[in-house]
Protein backbone atom coordinates (compact mmCIF):
# COMPACT_ATOMS: atom_id res chain seq x y z
CA MET A 1 13.99 -15.27 7.82
CA ARG A 2 17.02 -17.46 6.68
CA SER A 3 20.35 -16.22 5.77
CA THR A 4 20.18 -16.87 2.17
CA THR A 5 16.68 -15.48 1.97
CA LEU A 6 18.28 -11.90 3.73
CA LEU A 7 21.30 -11.76 1.86
CA ALA A 8 18.80 -12.16 -1.64
CA LEU A 9 16.85 -9.23 -0.59
CA LEU A 10 19.89 -7.06 0.78
CA ALA A 11 21.25 -7.48 -2.82
CA LEU A 12 17.99 -6.64 -4.61
CA VAL A 13 17.82 -3.51 -2.58
CA LEU A 14 21.32 -2.71 -3.74
CA LEU A 15 20.39 -3.30 -7.03
CA TYR A 16 17.32 -1.41 -6.48
CA LEU A 17 19.18 1.66 -5.59
CA VAL A 18 22.13 1.58 -8.02
CA SER A 19 19.38 1.61 -10.89
CA GLY A 20 17.58 4.18 -9.00
CA ALA A 21 20.97 6.58 -8.38
CA LEU A 22 22.30 5.88 -12.27
CA VAL A 23 18.46 7.08 -13.63
CA PHE A 24 18.25 10.17 -11.32
CA GLN A 25 21.96 10.94 -12.07
CA ALA A 26 21.11 10.67 -15.82
CA LEU A 27 18.05 13.07 -15.70
CA GLU A 28 19.11 15.60 -13.09
CA GLN A 29 22.97 16.17 -14.02
CA PRO A 30 22.39 18.31 -17.06
CA HIS A 31 19.78 20.40 -15.41
CA GLU A 32 22.38 20.95 -12.66
CA GLN A 33 25.29 21.61 -14.86
CA GLN A 34 22.75 24.10 -16.89
CA ALA A 35 21.76 26.34 -14.22
CA GLN A 36 25.15 26.32 -12.92
CA ARG A 37 26.03 27.54 -16.40
CA GLU A 38 23.68 30.19 -16.44
CA LEU A 39 24.75 31.70 -12.83
CA GLY A 40 28.01 32.09 -14.43
CA GLU A 41 26.72 33.91 -17.13
CA VAL A 42 24.53 36.35 -14.65
CA ARG A 43 27.83 36.85 -12.65
CA GLU A 44 29.78 38.32 -15.80
CA LYS A 45 26.44 40.23 -16.89
CA PHE A 46 26.49 41.92 -13.54
CA LEU A 47 30.41 42.68 -13.37
CA ARG A 48 30.45 44.18 -16.68
CA ALA A 49 27.34 45.94 -16.15
CA HIS A 50 28.79 47.48 -12.91
CA PRO A 51 32.33 48.04 -13.22
CA CYS A 52 32.81 49.18 -9.89
CA VAL A 53 31.77 45.94 -8.05
CA SER A 54 34.51 43.47 -7.57
CA ASP A 55 34.66 39.80 -7.94
CA GLN A 56 35.72 39.27 -4.63
CA ASP A 57 32.74 41.30 -3.23
CA LEU A 58 30.23 39.82 -5.28
CA GLY A 59 31.25 36.38 -4.45
CA ILE A 60 30.69 37.72 -0.66
CA PHE A 61 27.37 38.91 -1.32
CA ILE A 62 26.03 35.61 -3.16
CA LYS A 63 27.11 33.88 0.11
CA ASP A 64 25.59 35.97 2.31
CA VAL A 65 22.11 35.72 0.08
CA ALA A 66 22.55 32.05 0.46
CA ASP A 67 23.28 31.98 4.01
CA ALA A 68 20.23 34.12 4.64
CA LEU A 69 17.76 32.07 2.10
CA GLY A 70 19.08 28.97 3.86
CA GLY A 71 17.90 30.49 7.43
CA GLY A 72 14.35 31.07 6.25
CA ALA A 73 14.54 34.62 4.07
CA ASP A 74 12.37 34.95 1.19
CA PRO A 75 14.32 37.56 -0.94
CA ASP A 76 10.24 38.01 -1.87
CA ILE A 77 9.64 40.22 1.12
CA ASN A 78 11.06 43.64 2.29
CA SER A 79 10.79 44.74 5.33
CA SER A 80 8.43 47.83 4.30
CA SER A 81 5.99 46.03 2.25
CA ASN A 82 5.60 42.81 4.37
CA SER A 83 6.66 43.47 7.90
CA ASN A 84 3.98 41.41 9.81
CA HIS A 85 4.87 38.57 7.81
CA SER A 86 6.83 35.52 9.39
CA ALA A 87 7.88 32.20 8.57
CA TRP A 88 7.21 31.41 12.35
CA ASP A 89 3.64 32.23 12.93
CA LEU A 90 1.35 30.04 14.98
CA GLY A 91 0.30 28.39 11.79
CA SER A 92 3.61 27.47 10.20
CA ALA A 93 5.43 26.82 13.30
CA PHE A 94 2.08 24.25 14.45
CA PHE A 95 2.77 22.70 10.98
CA PHE A 96 6.56 22.29 11.48
CA SER A 97 5.66 20.37 15.07
CA GLY A 98 3.36 18.13 12.67
CA THR A 99 6.49 17.56 9.90
CA ILE A 100 8.78 16.46 12.86
CA ILE A 101 6.50 14.04 14.88
CA THR A 102 5.06 12.62 11.33
CA THR A 103 8.85 11.94 10.08
CA ILE A 104 8.16 14.31 6.69
CA GLY A 105 10.79 16.97 7.60
CA TYR A 106 10.26 19.30 4.83
CA GLY A 107 13.46 21.22 5.23
CA ASN A 108 12.08 24.60 3.89
CA ALA A 109 12.25 25.42 7.45
CA ALA A 110 15.06 24.55 9.55
CA LEU A 111 16.33 25.55 13.04
CA ARG A 112 19.27 27.99 13.56
CA THR A 113 19.43 28.30 17.56
CA ASP A 114 21.56 25.80 19.71
CA ALA A 115 18.34 26.15 22.23
CA GLY A 116 15.57 24.86 19.46
CA ARG A 117 17.65 22.06 18.08
CA LEU A 118 18.38 20.87 21.85
CA PHE A 119 14.41 21.19 22.11
CA CYS A 120 13.90 19.31 18.89
CA ILE A 121 15.64 16.13 20.00
CA PHE A 122 13.49 15.68 22.85
CA TYR A 123 10.20 16.70 21.37
CA ALA A 124 10.80 14.41 18.41
CA LEU A 125 11.76 11.44 20.55
CA VAL A 126 8.48 11.60 22.85
CA GLY A 127 6.28 13.01 19.89
CA ILE A 128 7.15 10.49 16.93
CA PRO A 129 5.93 7.23 19.04
CA LEU A 130 2.71 9.35 20.56
CA PHE A 131 1.78 9.99 16.76
CA GLY A 132 2.38 6.22 15.93
CA ILE A 133 0.08 5.11 18.59
CA LEU A 134 -2.58 7.95 17.26
CA LEU A 135 -2.00 6.47 13.83
CA ALA A 136 -2.60 3.10 14.42
CA GLY A 137 -6.10 4.00 16.27
CA VAL A 138 -7.20 6.49 13.25
CA GLY A 139 -5.83 3.65 10.67
CA ASP A 140 -8.14 1.16 12.28
CA ARG A 141 -11.14 3.16 12.42
CA LEU A 142 -10.69 4.71 9.11
CA GLY A 143 -10.13 0.82 7.84
CA SER A 144 -13.34 -0.43 9.46
CA SER A 145 -15.06 2.49 8.01
CA LEU A 146 -14.18 1.97 4.73
CA ARG A 147 -14.56 -1.34 5.10
CA ARG A 148 -18.41 -1.64 6.96
CA GLY A 149 -19.23 0.81 3.71
CA ILE A 150 -17.90 -1.65 0.79
CA GLY A 151 -19.44 -4.86 3.19
CA HIS A 152 -22.84 -3.35 1.56
CA ILE A 153 -21.73 -3.31 -1.46
CA GLU A 154 -20.81 -6.86 -1.10
CA ALA A 155 -24.07 -7.77 0.05
CA ILE A 156 -25.67 -6.06 -3.21
CA PHE A 157 -23.00 -8.21 -5.48
CA LEU A 158 -23.96 -11.20 -3.63
CA LYS A 159 -27.70 -10.24 -4.10
CA TRP A 160 -26.89 -10.44 -7.94
CA HIS A 161 -25.32 -13.92 -7.46
CA VAL A 162 -21.86 -12.49 -8.35
CA PRO A 163 -19.29 -15.27 -7.45
CA PRO A 164 -17.62 -14.88 -3.97
CA GLY A 165 -14.01 -14.90 -5.57
CA LEU A 166 -14.77 -11.82 -7.83
CA VAL A 167 -16.84 -10.12 -4.99
CA ARG A 168 -13.57 -10.20 -2.84
CA ILE A 169 -11.40 -8.60 -5.75
CA LEU A 170 -13.87 -6.05 -6.62
CA SER A 171 -14.26 -4.95 -2.36
CA ALA A 172 -10.57 -4.65 -2.87
CA VAL A 173 -10.26 -2.93 -5.95
CA LEU A 174 -13.11 -0.07 -4.21
CA PHE A 175 -11.04 0.12 -1.02
CA LEU A 176 -8.15 1.47 -2.97
CA LEU A 177 -10.28 3.40 -5.35
CA ILE A 178 -12.14 5.11 -2.80
CA GLY A 179 -8.99 5.94 -0.73
CA CYS A 180 -7.04 7.54 -3.89
CA LEU A 181 -9.91 9.36 -4.37
CA LEU A 182 -10.55 10.99 -0.95
CA PHE A 183 -6.73 11.52 -0.16
CA VAL A 184 -5.05 11.65 -3.47
CA LEU A 185 -6.96 12.88 -6.85
CA THR A 186 -9.15 15.62 -4.31
CA PRO A 187 -6.23 17.04 -2.70
CA THR A 188 -4.24 17.64 -5.45
CA PHE A 189 -6.90 19.63 -7.46
CA VAL A 190 -7.38 21.55 -4.17
CA PHE A 191 -3.65 22.35 -3.93
CA CYS A 192 -4.06 23.09 -7.49
CA TYR A 193 -6.45 25.65 -6.61
CA VAL A 194 -4.86 27.18 -3.67
CA GLU A 195 -1.56 26.92 -4.47
CA GLY A 196 -1.38 27.91 -8.19
CA TRP A 197 0.73 24.37 -9.07
CA SER A 198 0.28 22.54 -12.19
CA LYS A 199 -1.90 19.43 -11.88
CA LEU A 200 1.84 17.32 -11.89
CA GLU A 201 3.53 19.53 -8.83
CA ALA A 202 0.21 18.68 -6.98
CA ILE A 203 0.53 15.18 -6.99
CA TYR A 204 4.16 15.01 -6.66
CA PHE A 205 3.60 16.99 -3.53
CA VAL A 206 0.85 14.44 -2.40
CA VAL A 207 2.72 11.50 -3.24
CA VAL A 208 5.88 12.81 -1.71
CA THR A 209 4.38 13.69 1.48
CA LEU A 210 1.91 10.86 2.03
CA THR A 211 5.20 8.77 1.40
CA THR A 212 6.99 10.70 4.40
CA VAL A 213 9.88 11.53 1.97
CA GLY A 214 9.37 15.47 2.08
CA PHE A 215 12.09 16.75 -0.33
CA GLY A 216 11.08 20.25 0.75
CA ASP A 217 10.95 21.80 -2.65
CA TYR A 218 7.05 22.45 -2.45
CA VAL A 219 5.25 22.96 0.41
CA ALA A 220 1.88 23.72 1.09
CA GLY A 221 1.49 26.96 2.33
CA ALA A 222 4.99 28.37 2.78
CA SER A 223 4.25 31.13 -0.27
CA PRO A 224 4.23 34.45 1.45
CA ASN A 225 0.90 35.18 -0.38
CA GLN A 226 -0.92 32.71 1.61
CA SER A 227 -2.48 34.29 4.55
CA ASN A 228 -4.97 32.31 6.00
CA ALA A 229 -3.55 30.94 9.36
CA ALA A 230 -5.82 28.02 9.84
CA TYR A 231 -4.25 26.35 6.20
CA GLN A 232 -1.52 24.60 7.29
CA PRO A 233 -3.18 23.08 10.17
CA LEU A 234 -5.63 21.82 8.33
CA VAL A 235 -3.42 20.47 5.77
CA TRP A 236 -1.78 19.02 8.60
CA PHE A 237 -4.89 17.48 9.31
CA TRP A 238 -5.29 15.79 5.84
CA ILE A 239 -1.69 14.42 6.49
CA LEU A 240 -2.96 12.57 9.29
CA LEU A 241 -5.89 10.58 7.97
CA GLY A 242 -3.77 10.33 4.45
CA LEU A 243 -1.05 8.40 6.56
CA ALA A 244 -3.94 6.29 8.56
CA TYR A 245 -5.12 5.50 5.09
CA PHE A 246 -1.77 4.08 3.82
CA ALA A 247 -1.01 2.69 6.74
CA SER A 248 -4.50 0.61 6.59
CA VAL A 249 -3.88 -0.49 3.33
CA LEU A 250 -0.07 -1.79 4.01
CA THR A 251 -1.59 -3.91 7.35
CA THR A 252 -3.85 -5.27 4.83
CA ILE A 253 -1.11 -6.39 2.08
CA GLY A 254 0.81 -7.45 5.28
CA ASN A 255 -1.59 -9.89 6.50
CA TRP A 256 -2.95 -10.71 2.49
CA LEU A 257 0.58 -11.48 2.11
CA ARG A 258 1.03 -13.94 5.31
CA VAL A 259 -1.89 -15.72 4.69
CA VAL A 260 -0.76 -16.67 1.00
CA SER A 261 2.59 -17.53 2.75
CA ARG A 262 0.76 -20.13 5.25
CA ARG A 263 -1.50 -21.36 2.82
CA THR A 264 1.64 -22.14 0.59
CA ARG A 265 3.87 -23.67 2.97
CA ALA A 266 0.56 -25.91 4.14
CA GLU A 267 0.22 -27.13 0.16
CA MET A 268 3.99 -27.65 -0.02
CA GLY A 269 3.86 -29.88 3.78
CA GLY A 270 1.57 -31.91 1.73
CA LEU A 271 3.20 -32.16 -1.82
CA THR A 272 6.25 -33.10 0.42
CA ALA A 273 4.14 -35.78 2.06
CA GLN A 274 2.06 -37.50 -1.11
CA ALA A 275 5.88 -37.51 -2.94
CA ALA A 276 7.56 -39.15 -0.18
CA SER A 277 4.14 -41.75 -0.17
CA TRP A 278 4.27 -42.31 -3.51
CA THR A 279 8.26 -42.82 -3.48
CA GLY A 280 7.97 -45.12 -0.61
CA THR A 281 5.47 -47.10 -2.45
CA VAL A 282 7.23 -47.70 -5.98
CA THR A 283 9.79 -48.72 -3.55
CA ALA A 284 8.20 -51.33 -1.96
CA ARG A 285 6.77 -52.62 -5.47
CA VAL A 286 9.76 -52.87 -6.81
CA THR A 287 11.49 -54.77 -3.75
CA GLN A 288 8.53 -56.83 -3.81
CA ARG A 289 9.22 -57.58 -7.77
CA VAL A 290 12.98 -57.76 -7.93
CA GLY A 291 13.75 -58.95 -4.43
CA PRO A 292 16.16 -57.55 -1.88
CA THR A 293 19.50 -57.61 -3.09
CA ALA A 294 21.11 -58.09 0.31
CA PRO A 295 18.70 -59.92 2.93
CA PRO A 296 18.09 -57.62 5.96
CA PRO A 297 20.29 -58.78 9.16
CA LEU A 298 17.78 -61.06 11.19
CA GLU A 299 17.59 -60.21 14.94
CA LYS A 300 19.02 -63.02 17.25
CA GLU A 301 16.65 -65.31 18.56
CA ARG A 302 16.05 -65.20 22.45
CA PRO A 303 17.05 -68.63 23.89
CA PHE A 304 13.45 -70.20 24.85
CA LEU A 305 12.49 -70.51 28.09
CA PRO A 306 9.56 -72.38 29.92
CA PRO A 307 6.32 -70.91 31.03
CA PRO A 308 6.04 -70.05 34.25
CA PRO A 309 3.99 -72.35 36.86
CA CYS A 310 0.06 -71.26 37.00
CA PRO A 311 -0.48 -69.93 40.53
CA ALA A 312 -2.23 -72.35 42.90
CA GLN A 313 -5.98 -72.29 43.57
CA PRO A 314 -7.21 -71.27 46.94
CA ALA A 315 -8.04 -73.23 49.29
CA GLY A 316 -12.17 -73.91 49.53
CA ARG A 317 -12.84 -73.34 45.59
CA PRO A 318 -12.72 -76.03 43.10
CA PRO A 319 -10.45 -76.24 40.53
CA SER A 320 -11.26 -73.76 37.62
CA PRO A 321 -11.73 -75.56 34.18
CA LEU A 322 -9.02 -76.01 32.19
CA PRO A 323 -9.17 -73.18 29.61
CA LEU A 324 -9.74 -73.52 25.99
CA LYS A 325 -6.74 -74.10 23.52
CA ALA A 326 -6.33 -71.05 22.27
CA GLU A 327 -6.24 -70.17 18.42
CA PRO A 328 -2.59 -69.81 17.42
CA PRO A 329 -2.14 -66.02 16.31
CA SER A 330 -2.65 -65.11 12.34
CA PRO A 331 0.83 -64.52 10.99
CA PRO A 332 1.47 -60.54 10.56
CA THR A 333 0.61 -59.96 6.63
CA ALA A 334 4.23 -59.29 4.88
CA SER A 335 4.09 -55.49 3.42
CA ALA A 336 6.96 -53.63 2.07
CA LEU A 337 8.00 -52.24 5.07
CA ASP A 338 8.02 -55.40 7.46
CA TYR A 339 11.59 -56.82 8.70
CA PRO A 340 11.81 -60.27 9.80
CA SER A 341 13.08 -58.99 12.75
CA GLU A 342 10.05 -57.44 13.99
CA ASN A 343 8.19 -60.57 13.10
CA LEU A 344 10.01 -62.32 15.63
CA ALA A 345 9.71 -59.90 18.12
CA PHE A 346 5.72 -59.75 17.87
CA ILE A 347 5.51 -63.75 18.00
CA ASP A 348 7.87 -63.75 21.78
CA GLU A 349 5.48 -61.03 23.11
CA SER A 350 2.30 -62.92 21.87
CA SER A 351 3.83 -66.22 23.03
CA ASP A 352 4.62 -65.01 26.33
CA THR A 353 1.33 -63.25 27.04
CA GLN A 354 -0.62 -66.41 25.80
CA SER A 355 1.82 -68.42 28.28
CA GLU A 356 0.83 -66.17 31.48
CA ARG A 357 -2.93 -66.09 30.82
CA GLY A 358 -3.38 -70.11 29.87
CA CYS A 359 -0.13 -72.07 30.33
CA ALA A 360 -0.98 -73.34 27.22
CA LEU A 361 1.79 -72.32 24.29
CA PRO A 362 0.09 -71.87 21.11
CA ARG A 363 1.10 -73.44 18.16
CA ALA A 364 3.45 -71.58 15.98
CA PRO A 365 1.82 -70.13 12.97
CA ARG A 366 2.86 -71.74 9.30
CA GLY A 367 6.21 -71.14 7.85
CA ARG A 368 7.70 -70.07 10.91
CA ARG A 369 10.55 -72.25 12.25
CA ARG A 370 9.60 -73.66 15.88
CA PRO A 371 12.24 -73.79 18.64
CA PRO A 372 14.65 -77.08 18.51
CA ASN A 373 13.64 -79.66 20.94
CA PRO A 374 11.13 -77.75 23.12
CA PRO A 375 11.06 -78.92 26.63
CA ARG A 376 7.73 -80.96 27.75
CA LYS A 377 5.10 -78.65 29.23
CA PRO A 378 5.27 -79.40 33.01
CA ALA A 379 2.25 -80.55 34.92
CA ARG A 380 0.32 -78.01 36.82
CA PRO A 381 0.24 -78.42 40.31
CA ARG A 382 -2.99 -78.68 41.76
CA GLY A 383 -3.82 -76.81 44.71
CA PRO A 384 -4.61 -78.17 47.99
CA GLY A 385 -8.13 -78.68 48.60
CA ARG A 386 -10.98 -80.82 49.88
CA PRO A 387 -11.83 -83.97 48.23
CA ARG A 388 -13.69 -83.94 45.38
CA GLU A 389 -17.06 -85.42 46.43
CA ARG A 390 -18.75 -87.84 44.15
CA GLY A 391 -21.21 -86.72 41.82
CA VAL A 392 -19.93 -83.52 41.07
CA PRO A 393 -18.75 -83.62 37.82
CA ALA A 394 -15.06 -82.14 37.06
């Protein structure tokens, strides 16, 4: 990624963060201030109703209650009515371990012992990569199953002679709708029924969970009234499938963006090549009509050297007949990007080649200047051999 693109992306993310901070501040700060005022009013009312309690003792009591609530205590539970209830039973502990390796971390239950915190460090370092591998495998299988089912629907559309482009769009829409129906809408109604939440609270919990945000204000199975030990493990398996589905969706979007980027680069490269070709053609035509303002410097002519003598014929063989006179090479067609130095080099190379082959210097093409006062062609030496017999044509 280029530096300019990275800086632009960073600026966009920072702008997005600032805008979100302003919106959340405008929405939540008045509610916080109202809650603080209500707490002060309740405190004053309690002190007036119980004059024997001092303000300092009440402050210490409130602080102790807040620490107990942070440690996992529930004010709705006392030791006499629900003595067997614990926030760390097997089902709740399994769900807590699942929130660690999925990196959700609701925060409703926190570790309070040093041994538990030390174990959590190593547990997370091993469990998070392991869960990532499992999530990739489940997402691949889940995406393949959904695409296989959607493939049958695509075949039906193609039998109805629906355009392929429209079929692809419909298959993508169906993939999203089926996933949202299975992993978003259905759990929303289940949580509304089991937890007693409103539809907004349930869908808020679903989205916050599947995006691994996990604030912890709403947690499935955290209510003391929920006595089923298998409820929270089932919720964790729903989280696994939902995260796998969203991972497959993000992978599909990434592949689509990569294909679009490659096509865009190829199209831009083709447009750039066409623009360069068009510019060169226009420049050539203008040059041919108007003529160049300053002719390019000619390459310095090479000194004319006589052609090397032909090799002598071996003894015992009649001399080979003289080769036919080679026709002069046709002058190269003048083009817009043809320079005189290239033409001169072409003539010199062709002359040397013809002199080596037939010991005859071809005529210079018309319109080209011949070297001044060329030396005479030296006589070809006749190789030694037997005298030529009579009657044998030369």
